[in-house]
Amino acid sequence: RPPFGPRAAALGFVITGSSRVYFAGDTDLFPEMGRLHGTLD
């Protein structure tokens, strides 16, 4: 967080109820996205 911090790991979020919604936040592509393959509405 500019200009003086802090630094905290960026996250996405998976909202789950009767359906499932993934909010990626800010991110580049990374292989672990594949863990959600086919589970998202």
PDB file of all heavy atoms in Angstrom:
ATOM      1  N   ARG A   1       0.849  -1.192   0.000  1.00  0.00           N
ATOM      2  CA  ARG A   1       0.000   0.000   0.000  1.00  0.00           C
ATOM      3  C   ARG A   1       0.885   1.243   0.000  1.00  0.00           C
ATOM      4  O   ARG A   1       1.542   1.549   0.988  1.00  0.00           O
ATOM      5  CB  ARG A   1      -0.917   0.030   1.219  1.00  0.00           C
ATOM      6  CG  ARG A   1      -1.910   1.227   1.204  1.00  0.00           C
ATOM      7  CD  ARG A   1      -2.945   1.056   2.284  1.00  0.00           C
ATOM      8  NE  ARG A   1      -3.892   2.160   2.363  1.00  0.00           N
ATOM      9  CZ  ARG A   1      -4.963   2.311   1.598  1.00  0.00           C
ATOM     10  NH1 ARG A   1      -5.208   1.419   0.650  1.00  0.00           N
ATOM     11  NH2 ARG A   1      -5.789   3.333   1.758  1.00  0.00           N
ATOM     12  N   PRO A   2       0.931   1.964  -1.124  1.00  0.00           N
ATOM     13  CA  PRO A   2       1.793   3.140  -1.187  1.00  0.00           C
ATOM     14  C   PRO A   2       1.191   4.281  -0.351  1.00  0.00           C
ATOM     15  O   PRO A   2      -0.013   4.326  -0.127  1.00  0.00           O
ATOM     16  CB  PRO A   2       1.787   3.491  -2.680  1.00  0.00           C
ATOM     17  CG  PRO A   2       0.515   2.936  -3.197  1.00  0.00           C
ATOM     18  CD  PRO A   2       0.221   1.711  -2.385  1.00  0.00           C
ATOM     19  N   PRO A   3       2.042   5.197   0.174  1.00  0.00           N
ATOM     20  CA  PRO A   3       3.492   5.245  -0.071  1.00  0.00           C
ATOM     21  C   PRO A   3       4.325   4.542   0.998  1.00  0.00           C
ATOM     22  O   PRO A   3       5.498   4.306   0.791  1.00  0.00           O
ATOM     23  CB  PRO A   3       3.767   6.751  -0.058  1.00  0.00           C
ATOM     24  CG  PRO A   3       2.784   7.289   0.926  1.00  0.00           C
ATOM     25  CD  PRO A   3       1.546   6.455   0.780  1.00  0.00           C
ATOM     26  N   PHE A   4       3.737   4.208   2.157  1.00  0.00           N
ATOM     27  CA  PHE A   4       4.542   3.715   3.273  1.00  0.00           C
ATOM     28  C   PHE A   4       4.137   2.322   3.757  1.00  0.00           C
ATOM     29  O   PHE A   4       4.622   1.862   4.773  1.00  0.00           O
ATOM     30  CB  PHE A   4       4.457   4.697   4.453  1.00  0.00           C
ATOM     31  CG  PHE A   4       4.861   6.098   4.102  1.00  0.00           C
ATOM     32  CD1 PHE A   4       3.942   7.141   4.168  1.00  0.00           C
ATOM     33  CD2 PHE A   4       6.151   6.386   3.673  1.00  0.00           C
ATOM     34  CE1 PHE A   4       4.306   8.430   3.836  1.00  0.00           C
ATOM     35  CE2 PHE A   4       6.525   7.672   3.345  1.00  0.00           C
ATOM     36  CZ  PHE A   4       5.599   8.704   3.422  1.00  0.00           C
ATOM     37  N   GLY A   5       3.269   1.645   3.044  1.00  0.00           N
ATOM     38  CA  GLY A   5       2.876   0.302   3.447  1.00  0.00           C
ATOM     39  C   GLY A   5       1.573   0.326   4.229  1.00  0.00           C
ATOM     40  O   GLY A   5       0.910   1.348   4.313  1.00  0.00           O
ATOM     41  N   PRO A   6       1.204  -0.835   4.752  1.00  0.00           N
ATOM     42  CA  PRO A   6       1.954  -2.083   4.834  1.00  0.00           C
ATOM     43  C   PRO A   6       1.909  -2.894   3.539  1.00  0.00           C
ATOM     44  O   PRO A   6       1.258  -2.501   2.576  1.00  0.00           O
ATOM     45  CB  PRO A   6       1.223  -2.838   5.945  1.00  0.00           C
ATOM     46  CG  PRO A   6      -0.201  -2.403   5.768  1.00  0.00           C
ATOM     47  CD  PRO A   6      -0.119  -0.946   5.383  1.00  0.00           C
ATOM     48  N   ARG A   7       2.601  -4.025   3.545  1.00  0.00           N
ATOM     49  CA  ARG A   7       2.528  -4.985   2.452  1.00  0.00           C
ATOM     50  C   ARG A   7       1.748  -6.200   2.956  1.00  0.00           C
ATOM     51  O   ARG A   7       2.014  -6.729   4.030  1.00  0.00           O
ATOM     52  CB  ARG A   7       3.921  -5.407   2.014  1.00  0.00           C
ATOM     53  CG  ARG A   7       3.910  -6.343   0.800  1.00  0.00           C
ATOM     54  CD  ARG A   7       5.332  -6.752   0.399  1.00  0.00           C
ATOM     55  NE  ARG A   7       6.125  -5.587   0.050  1.00  0.00           N
ATOM     56  CZ  ARG A   7       6.108  -4.991  -1.140  1.00  0.00           C
ATOM     57  NH1 ARG A   7       5.311  -5.444  -2.085  1.00  0.00           N
ATOM     58  NH2 ARG A   7       6.877  -3.947  -1.376  1.00  0.00           N
ATOM     59  N   ALA A   8       0.776  -6.620   2.181  1.00  0.00           N
ATOM     60  CA  ALA A   8      -0.024  -7.795   2.521  1.00  0.00           C
ATOM     61  C   ALA A   8      -0.294  -8.563   1.237  1.00  0.00           C
ATOM     62  O   ALA A   8      -0.498  -7.964   0.174  1.00  0.00           O
ATOM     63  CB  ALA A   8      -1.339  -7.385   3.188  1.00  0.00           C
ATOM     64  N   ALA A   9      -0.295  -9.867   1.325  1.00  0.00           N
ATOM     65  CA  ALA A   9      -0.491 -10.697   0.134  1.00  0.00           C
ATOM     66  C   ALA A   9      -1.840 -10.404  -0.511  1.00  0.00           C
ATOM     67  O   ALA A   9      -2.872 -10.325   0.174  1.00  0.00           O
ATOM     68  CB  ALA A   9      -0.407 -12.173   0.506  1.00  0.00           C
ATOM     69  N   ALA A  10      -1.839 -10.217  -1.818  1.00  0.00           N
ATOM     70  CA  ALA A  10      -3.090 -10.035  -2.556  1.00  0.00           C
ATOM     71  C   ALA A  10      -3.863 -11.349  -2.587  1.00  0.00           C
ATOM     72  O   ALA A  10      -3.280 -12.444  -2.567  1.00  0.00           O
ATOM     73  CB  ALA A  10      -2.798  -9.555  -3.971  1.00  0.00           C
ATOM     74  N   LEU A  11      -5.193 -11.243  -2.638  1.00  0.00           N
ATOM     75  CA  LEU A  11      -6.060 -12.409  -2.623  1.00  0.00           C
ATOM     76  C   LEU A  11      -7.155 -12.269  -3.670  1.00  0.00           C
ATOM     77  O   LEU A  11      -7.497 -11.163  -4.095  1.00  0.00           O
ATOM     78  CB  LEU A  11      -6.728 -12.570  -1.253  1.00  0.00           C
ATOM     79  CG  LEU A  11      -5.836 -12.856  -0.057  1.00  0.00           C
ATOM     80  CD1 LEU A  11      -6.652 -12.777   1.231  1.00  0.00           C
ATOM     81  CD2 LEU A  11      -5.176 -14.227  -0.180  1.00  0.00           C
ATOM     82  N   GLY A  12      -7.720 -13.408  -4.057  1.00  0.00           N
ATOM     83  CA  GLY A  12      -9.025 -13.467  -4.679  1.00  0.00           C
ATOM     84  C   GLY A  12      -9.982 -14.068  -3.664  1.00  0.00           C
ATOM     85  O   GLY A  12      -9.584 -14.444  -2.553  1.00  0.00           O
ATOM     86  N   PHE A  13     -11.249 -14.196  -4.042  1.00  0.00           N
ATOM     87  CA  PHE A  13     -12.237 -14.761  -3.129  1.00  0.00           C
ATOM     88  C   PHE A  13     -13.216 -15.624  -3.901  1.00  0.00           C
ATOM     89  O   PHE A  13     -13.613 -15.288  -5.023  1.00  0.00           O
ATOM     90  CB  PHE A  13     -13.003 -13.655  -2.401  1.00  0.00           C
ATOM     91  CG  PHE A  13     -12.158 -12.857  -1.454  1.00  0.00           C
ATOM     92  CD1 PHE A  13     -11.569 -11.671  -1.866  1.00  0.00           C
ATOM     93  CD2 PHE A  13     -11.934 -13.297  -0.161  1.00  0.00           C
ATOM     94  CE1 PHE A  13     -10.776 -10.930  -1.003  1.00  0.00           C
ATOM     95  CE2 PHE A  13     -11.148 -12.562   0.714  1.00  0.00           C
ATOM     96  CZ  PHE A  13     -10.563 -11.381   0.299  1.00  0.00           C
ATOM     97  N   VAL A  14     -13.637 -16.728  -3.276  1.00  0.00           N
ATOM     98  CA  VAL A  14     -14.677 -17.590  -3.820  1.00  0.00           C
ATOM     99  C   VAL A  14     -15.879 -17.508  -2.886  1.00  0.00           C
ATOM    100  O   VAL A  14     -15.793 -17.887  -1.711  1.00  0.00           O
ATOM    101  CB  VAL A  14     -14.206 -19.044  -3.964  1.00  0.00           C
ATOM    102  CG1 VAL A  14     -15.328 -19.916  -4.528  1.00  0.00           C
ATOM    103  CG2 VAL A  14     -12.971 -19.133  -4.868  1.00  0.00           C
ATOM    104  N   ILE A  15     -16.978 -16.965  -3.399  1.00  0.00           N
ATOM    105  CA  ILE A  15     -18.218 -16.835  -2.644  1.00  0.00           C
ATOM    106  C   ILE A  15     -19.067 -18.060  -2.956  1.00  0.00           C
ATOM    107  O   ILE A  15     -19.360 -18.350  -4.126  1.00  0.00           O
ATOM    108  CB  ILE A  15     -18.954 -15.546  -3.035  1.00  0.00           C
ATOM    109  CG1 ILE A  15     -18.079 -14.321  -2.734  1.00  0.00           C
ATOM    110  CG2 ILE A  15     -20.292 -15.446  -2.310  1.00  0.00           C
ATOM    111  CD1 ILE A  15     -18.595 -13.038  -3.366  1.00  0.00           C
ATOM    112  N   THR A  16     -19.482 -18.773  -1.904  1.00  0.00           N
ATOM    113  CA  THR A  16     -20.160 -20.053  -2.100  1.00  0.00           C
ATOM    114  C   THR A  16     -21.462 -20.083  -1.323  1.00  0.00           C
ATOM    115  O   THR A  16     -21.522 -19.728  -0.148  1.00  0.00           O
ATOM    116  CB  THR A  16     -19.270 -21.218  -1.636  1.00  0.00           C
ATOM    117  OG1 THR A  16     -18.055 -21.206  -2.393  1.00  0.00           O
ATOM    118  CG2 THR A  16     -19.964 -22.558  -1.844  1.00  0.00           C
ATOM    119  N   GLY A  17     -22.514 -20.492  -2.018  1.00  0.00           N
ATOM    120  CA  GLY A  17     -23.808 -20.786  -1.422  1.00  0.00           C
ATOM    121  C   GLY A  17     -24.462 -21.825  -2.296  1.00  0.00           C
ATOM    122  O   GLY A  17     -23.875 -22.869  -2.572  1.00  0.00           O
ATOM    123  N   SER A  18     -25.672 -21.550  -2.775  1.00  0.00           N
ATOM    124  CA  SER A  18     -26.278 -22.467  -3.736  1.00  0.00           C
ATOM    125  C   SER A  18     -25.571 -22.408  -5.084  1.00  0.00           C
ATOM    126  O   SER A  18     -25.702 -23.316  -5.904  1.00  0.00           O
ATOM    127  CB  SER A  18     -27.762 -22.135  -3.925  1.00  0.00           C
ATOM    128  OG  SER A  18     -27.918 -20.801  -4.383  1.00  0.00           O
ATOM    129  N   SER A  19     -24.817 -21.335  -5.324  1.00  0.00           N
ATOM    130  CA  SER A  19     -23.946 -21.205  -6.489  1.00  0.00           C
ATOM    131  C   SER A  19     -22.579 -20.752  -6.007  1.00  0.00           C
ATOM    132  O   SER A  19     -22.383 -20.473  -4.817  1.00  0.00           O
ATOM    133  CB  SER A  19     -24.533 -20.200  -7.497  1.00  0.00           C
ATOM    134  OG  SER A  19     -25.768 -20.666  -8.009  1.00  0.00           O
ATOM    135  N   ARG A  20     -21.654 -20.647  -6.948  1.00  0.00           N
ATOM    136  CA  ARG A  20     -20.281 -20.284  -6.578  1.00  0.00           C
ATOM    137  C   ARG A  20     -19.753 -19.211  -7.526  1.00  0.00           C
ATOM    138  O   ARG A  20     -19.808 -19.372  -8.745  1.00  0.00           O
ATOM    139  CB  ARG A  20     -19.384 -21.520  -6.616  1.00  0.00           C
ATOM    140  CG  ARG A  20     -17.949 -21.244  -6.184  1.00  0.00           C
ATOM    141  CD  ARG A  20     -17.120 -22.510  -6.188  1.00  0.00           C
ATOM    142  NE  ARG A  20     -17.402 -23.335  -5.019  1.00  0.00           N
ATOM    143  CZ  ARG A  20     -16.716 -24.431  -4.706  1.00  0.00           C
ATOM    144  NH1 ARG A  20     -15.734 -24.840  -5.498  1.00  0.00           N
ATOM    145  NH2 ARG A  20     -17.000 -25.123  -3.632  1.00  0.00           N
ATOM    146  N   VAL A  21     -19.231 -18.112  -6.941  1.00  0.00           N
ATOM    147  CA  VAL A  21     -18.738 -16.967  -7.692  1.00  0.00           C
ATOM    148  C   VAL A  21     -17.294 -16.702  -7.284  1.00  0.00           C
ATOM    149  O   VAL A  21     -16.986 -16.585  -6.089  1.00  0.00           O
ATOM    150  CB  VAL A  21     -19.592 -15.709  -7.408  1.00  0.00           C
ATOM    151  CG1 VAL A  21     -19.052 -14.509  -8.192  1.00  0.00           C
ATOM    152  CG2 VAL A  21     -21.056 -15.959  -7.754  1.00  0.00           C
ATOM    153  N   TYR A  22     -16.415 -16.577  -8.273  1.00  0.00           N
ATOM    154  CA  TYR A  22     -14.995 -16.274  -8.038  1.00  0.00           C
ATOM    155  C   TYR A  22     -14.723 -14.835  -8.413  1.00  0.00           C
ATOM    156  O   TYR A  22     -14.975 -14.405  -9.543  1.00  0.00           O
ATOM    157  CB  TYR A  22     -14.130 -17.207  -8.879  1.00  0.00           C
ATOM    158  CG  TYR A  22     -12.653 -16.897  -8.946  1.00  0.00           C
ATOM    159  CD1 TYR A  22     -11.904 -16.638  -7.801  1.00  0.00           C
ATOM    160  CD2 TYR A  22     -11.989 -16.890 -10.174  1.00  0.00           C
ATOM    161  CE1 TYR A  22     -10.548 -16.368  -7.867  1.00  0.00           C
ATOM    162  CE2 TYR A  22     -10.637 -16.633 -10.264  1.00  0.00           C
ATOM    163  CZ  TYR A  22      -9.917 -16.372  -9.111  1.00  0.00           C
ATOM    164  OH  TYR A  22      -8.565 -16.100  -9.191  1.00  0.00           O
ATOM    165  N   PHE A  23     -14.213 -14.071  -7.460  1.00  0.00           N
ATOM    166  CA  PHE A  23     -13.733 -12.721  -7.703  1.00  0.00           C
ATOM    167  C   PHE A  23     -12.217 -12.769  -7.650  1.00  0.00           C
ATOM    168  O   PHE A  23     -11.632 -13.063  -6.608  1.00  0.00           O
ATOM    169  CB  PHE A  23     -14.284 -11.762  -6.640  1.00  0.00           C
ATOM    170  CG  PHE A  23     -13.627 -10.409  -6.631  1.00  0.00           C
ATOM    171  CD1 PHE A  23     -13.616  -9.611  -7.758  1.00  0.00           C
ATOM    172  CD2 PHE A  23     -13.006  -9.932  -5.482  1.00  0.00           C
ATOM    173  CE1 PHE A  23     -12.993  -8.360  -7.749  1.00  0.00           C
ATOM    174  CE2 PHE A  23     -12.396  -8.693  -5.452  1.00  0.00           C
ATOM    175  CZ  PHE A  23     -12.385  -7.904  -6.594  1.00  0.00           C
ATOM    176  N   ALA A  24     -11.555 -12.503  -8.774  1.00  0.00           N
ATOM    177  CA  ALA A  24     -10.110 -12.692  -8.864  1.00  0.00           C
ATOM    178  C   ALA A  24      -9.308 -11.560  -8.252  1.00  0.00           C
ATOM    179  O   ALA A  24      -8.106 -11.717  -8.022  1.00  0.00           O
ATOM    180  CB  ALA A  24      -9.700 -12.874 -10.324  1.00  0.00           C
ATOM    181  N   GLY A  25      -9.943 -10.399  -7.971  1.00  0.00           N
ATOM    182  CA  GLY A  25      -9.168  -9.248  -7.533  1.00  0.00           C
ATOM    183  C   GLY A  25      -8.248  -8.795  -8.657  1.00  0.00           C
ATOM    184  O   GLY A  25      -8.602  -8.846  -9.832  1.00  0.00           O
ATOM    185  N   ASP A  26      -7.059  -8.326  -8.291  1.00  0.00           N
ATOM    186  CA  ASP A  26      -6.015  -8.054  -9.282  1.00  0.00           C
ATOM    187  C   ASP A  26      -5.065  -9.242  -9.282  1.00  0.00           C
ATOM    188  O   ASP A  26      -4.581  -9.663  -8.219  1.00  0.00           O
ATOM    189  CB  ASP A  26      -5.231  -6.791  -8.896  1.00  0.00           C
ATOM    190  CG  ASP A  26      -5.671  -5.578  -9.698  1.00  0.00           C
ATOM    191  OD1 ASP A  26      -6.627  -5.698 -10.471  1.00  0.00           O
ATOM    192  OD2 ASP A  26      -5.051  -4.521  -9.539  1.00  0.00           O
ATOM    193  N   THR A  27      -4.761  -9.761 -10.437  1.00  0.00           N
ATOM    194  CA  THR A  27      -3.862 -10.909 -10.490  1.00  0.00           C
ATOM    195  C   THR A  27      -3.340 -11.099 -11.902  1.00  0.00           C
ATOM    196  O   THR A  27      -3.958 -10.665 -12.870  1.00  0.00           O
ATOM    197  CB  THR A  27      -4.580 -12.193 -10.034  1.00  0.00           C
ATOM    198  OG1 THR A  27      -3.643 -13.263  -9.917  1.00  0.00           O
ATOM    199  CG2 THR A  27      -5.678 -12.602 -11.002  1.00  0.00           C
ATOM    200  N   ASP A  28      -2.204 -11.739 -11.990  1.00  0.00           N
ATOM    201  CA  ASP A  28      -1.734 -12.286 -13.257  1.00  0.00           C
ATOM    202  C   ASP A  28      -2.204 -13.734 -13.324  1.00  0.00           C
ATOM    203  O   ASP A  28      -2.801 -14.268 -12.369  1.00  0.00           O
ATOM    204  CB  ASP A  28      -0.209 -12.179 -13.341  1.00  0.00           C
ATOM    205  CG  ASP A  28       0.302 -12.148 -14.775  1.00  0.00           C
ATOM    206  OD1 ASP A  28      -0.430 -12.599 -15.685  1.00  0.00           O
ATOM    207  OD2 ASP A  28       1.436 -11.684 -14.991  1.00  0.00           O
ATOM    208  N   LEU A  29      -1.936 -14.382 -14.420  1.00  0.00           N
ATOM    209  CA  LEU A  29      -2.297 -15.778 -14.601  1.00  0.00           C
ATOM    210  C   LEU A  29      -1.405 -16.654 -13.731  1.00  0.00           C
ATOM    211  O   LEU A  29      -0.201 -16.428 -13.624  1.00  0.00           O
ATOM    212  CB  LEU A  29      -2.111 -16.133 -16.077  1.00  0.00           C
ATOM    213  CG  LEU A  29      -2.784 -17.378 -16.619  1.00  0.00           C
ATOM    214  CD1 LEU A  29      -4.299 -17.224 -16.604  1.00  0.00           C
ATOM    215  CD2 LEU A  29      -2.297 -17.637 -18.039  1.00  0.00           C
ATOM    216  N   PHE A  30      -1.996 -17.668 -13.086  1.00  0.00           N
ATOM    217  CA  PHE A  30      -1.189 -18.612 -12.311  1.00  0.00           C
ATOM    218  C   PHE A  30      -1.865 -19.980 -12.338  1.00  0.00           C
ATOM    219  O   PHE A  30      -3.099 -20.075 -12.409  1.00  0.00           O
ATOM    220  CB  PHE A  30      -0.963 -18.126 -10.876  1.00  0.00           C
ATOM    221  CG  PHE A  30      -2.215 -17.905 -10.065  1.00  0.00           C
ATOM    222  CD1 PHE A  30      -2.644 -18.851  -9.149  1.00  0.00           C
ATOM    223  CD2 PHE A  30      -2.968 -16.746 -10.223  1.00  0.00           C
ATOM    224  CE1 PHE A  30      -3.789 -18.649  -8.397  1.00  0.00           C
ATOM    225  CE2 PHE A  30      -4.110 -16.531  -9.473  1.00  0.00           C
ATOM    226  CZ  PHE A  30      -4.526 -17.487  -8.559  1.00  0.00           C
ATOM    227  N   PRO A  31      -1.073 -21.058 -12.318  1.00  0.00           N
ATOM    228  CA  PRO A  31      -1.624 -22.391 -12.558  1.00  0.00           C
ATOM    229  C   PRO A  31      -2.671 -22.823 -11.549  1.00  0.00           C
ATOM    230  O   PRO A  31      -3.564 -23.615 -11.890  1.00  0.00           O
ATOM    231  CB  PRO A  31      -0.385 -23.308 -12.482  1.00  0.00           C
ATOM    232  CG  PRO A  31       0.781 -22.415 -12.739  1.00  0.00           C
ATOM    233  CD  PRO A  31       0.409 -21.071 -12.199  1.00  0.00           C
ATOM    234  N   GLU A  32      -2.592 -22.331 -10.303  1.00  0.00           N
ATOM    235  CA  GLU A  32      -3.529 -22.767  -9.277  1.00  0.00           C
ATOM    236  C   GLU A  32      -4.976 -22.409  -9.596  1.00  0.00           C
ATOM    237  O   GLU A  32      -5.899 -22.955  -8.984  1.00  0.00           O
ATOM    238  CB  GLU A  32      -3.134 -22.176  -7.917  1.00  0.00           C
ATOM    239  CG  GLU A  32      -1.868 -22.771  -7.330  1.00  0.00           C
ATOM    240  CD  GLU A  32      -0.609 -22.067  -7.844  1.00  0.00           C
ATOM    241  OE1 GLU A  32      -0.714 -21.256  -8.807  1.00  0.00           O
ATOM    242  OE2 GLU A  32       0.469 -22.330  -7.283  1.00  0.00           O
ATOM    243  N   MET A  33      -5.185 -21.501 -10.541  1.00  0.00           N
ATOM    244  CA  MET A  33      -6.559 -21.240 -10.970  1.00  0.00           C
ATOM    245  C   MET A  33      -7.249 -22.523 -11.420  1.00  0.00           C
ATOM    246  O   MET A  33      -8.466 -22.673 -11.289  1.00  0.00           O
ATOM    247  CB  MET A  33      -6.575 -20.224 -12.116  1.00  0.00           C
ATOM    248  CG  MET A  33      -6.321 -18.792 -11.711  1.00  0.00           C
ATOM    249  SD  MET A  33      -6.411 -17.703 -13.173  1.00  0.00           S
ATOM    250  CE  MET A  33      -6.209 -16.097 -12.405  1.00  0.00           C
ATOM    251  N   GLY A  34      -6.466 -23.439 -11.939  1.00  0.00           N
ATOM    252  CA  GLY A  34      -7.038 -24.694 -12.409  1.00  0.00           C
ATOM    253  C   GLY A  34      -7.702 -25.505 -11.325  1.00  0.00           C
ATOM    254  O   GLY A  34      -8.507 -26.401 -11.626  1.00  0.00           O
ATOM    255  N   ARG A  35      -7.400 -25.219 -10.049  1.00  0.00           N
ATOM    256  CA  ARG A  35      -8.065 -25.923  -8.954  1.00  0.00           C
ATOM    257  C   ARG A  35      -9.562 -25.635  -8.928  1.00  0.00           C
ATOM    258  O   ARG A  35     -10.332 -26.407  -8.336  1.00  0.00           O
ATOM    259  CB  ARG A  35      -7.432 -25.522  -7.614  1.00  0.00           C
ATOM    260  CG  ARG A  35      -6.038 -26.085  -7.407  1.00  0.00           C
ATOM    261  CD  ARG A  35      -5.245 -25.342  -6.347  1.00  0.00           C
ATOM    262  NE  ARG A  35      -6.025 -24.931  -5.188  1.00  0.00           N
ATOM    263  CZ  ARG A  35      -5.612 -24.031  -4.288  1.00  0.00           C
ATOM    264  NH1 ARG A  35      -4.420 -23.469  -4.422  1.00  0.00           N
ATOM    265  NH2 ARG A  35      -6.364 -23.704  -3.271  1.00  0.00           N
ATOM    266  N   LEU A  36      -9.970 -24.530  -9.534  1.00  0.00           N
ATOM    267  CA  LEU A  36     -11.389 -24.164  -9.551  1.00  0.00           C
ATOM    268  C   LEU A  36     -12.095 -24.628 -10.824  1.00  0.00           C
ATOM    269  O   LEU A  36     -13.281 -24.346 -11.006  1.00  0.00           O
ATOM    270  CB  LEU A  36     -11.523 -22.644  -9.427  1.00  0.00           C
ATOM    271  CG  LEU A  36     -10.950 -22.014  -8.159  1.00  0.00           C
ATOM    272  CD1 LEU A  36     -11.059 -20.490  -8.221  1.00  0.00           C
ATOM    273  CD2 LEU A  36     -11.652 -22.545  -6.915  1.00  0.00           C
ATOM    274  N   HIS A  37     -11.399 -25.343 -11.687  1.00  0.00           N
ATOM    275  CA  HIS A  37     -11.924 -25.709 -12.998  1.00  0.00           C
ATOM    276  C   HIS A  37     -13.273 -26.425 -12.881  1.00  0.00           C
ATOM    277  O   HIS A  37     -13.406 -27.434 -12.174  1.00  0.00           O
ATOM    278  CB  HIS A  37     -10.930 -26.630 -13.719  1.00  0.00           C
ATOM    279  CG  HIS A  37     -11.352 -26.973 -15.120  1.00  0.00           C
ATOM    280  ND1 HIS A  37     -10.990 -26.220 -16.214  1.00  0.00           N
ATOM    281  CD2 HIS A  37     -12.118 -27.988 -15.599  1.00  0.00           C
ATOM    282  CE1 HIS A  37     -11.495 -26.752 -17.303  1.00  0.00           C
ATOM    283  NE2 HIS A  37     -12.187 -27.825 -16.956  1.00  0.00           N
ATOM    284  N   GLY A  38     -14.272 -25.883 -13.558  1.00  0.00           N
ATOM    285  CA  GLY A  38     -15.563 -26.532 -13.627  1.00  0.00           C
ATOM    286  C   GLY A  38     -16.426 -26.419 -12.395  1.00  0.00           C
ATOM    287  O   GLY A  38     -17.514 -27.004 -12.354  1.00  0.00           O
ATOM    288  N   THR A  39     -16.002 -25.674 -11.391  1.00  0.00           N
ATOM    289  CA  THR A  39     -16.771 -25.560 -10.147  1.00  0.00           C
ATOM    290  C   THR A  39     -17.502 -24.228 -10.032  1.00  0.00           C
ATOM    291  O   THR A  39     -18.204 -24.009  -9.043  1.00  0.00           O
ATOM    292  CB  THR A  39     -15.850 -25.706  -8.925  1.00  0.00           C
ATOM    293  OG1 THR A  39     -14.987 -24.560  -8.819  1.00  0.00           O
ATOM    294  CG2 THR A  39     -15.012 -26.972  -9.010  1.00  0.00           C
ATOM    295  N   LEU A  40     -17.320 -23.326 -10.994  1.00  0.00           N
ATOM    296  CA  LEU A  40     -17.770 -21.945 -10.837  1.00  0.00           C
ATOM    297  C   LEU A  40     -18.991 -21.651 -11.700  1.00  0.00           C
ATOM    298  O   LEU A  40     -19.040 -22.017 -12.872  1.00  0.00           O
ATOM    299  CB  LEU A  40     -16.651 -20.977 -11.224  1.00  0.00           C
ATOM    300  CG  LEU A  40     -15.360 -21.087 -10.424  1.00  0.00           C
ATOM    301  CD1 LEU A  40     -14.281 -20.197 -11.050  1.00  0.00           C
ATOM    302  CD2 LEU A  40     -15.595 -20.693  -8.971  1.00  0.00           C
ATOM    303  N   ASP A  41     -19.936 -20.943 -11.095  1.00  0.00           N
ATOM    304  CA  ASP A  41     -21.074 -20.450 -11.855  1.00  0.00           C
ATOM    305  C   ASP A  41     -20.785 -19.093 -12.480  1.00  0.00           C
ATOM    306  O   ASP A  41     -21.371 -18.755 -13.509  1.00  0.00           O
ATOM    307  CB  ASP A  41     -22.298 -20.380 -10.947  1.00  0.00           C
ATOM    308  CG  ASP A  41     -22.697 -21.768 -10.470  1.00  0.00           C
ATOM    309  OD1 ASP A  41     -23.235 -22.540 -11.281  1.00  0.00           O
ATOM    310  OD2 ASP A  41     -22.427 -22.103  -9.299  1.00  0.00           O
TER     311      ASP A  41
END
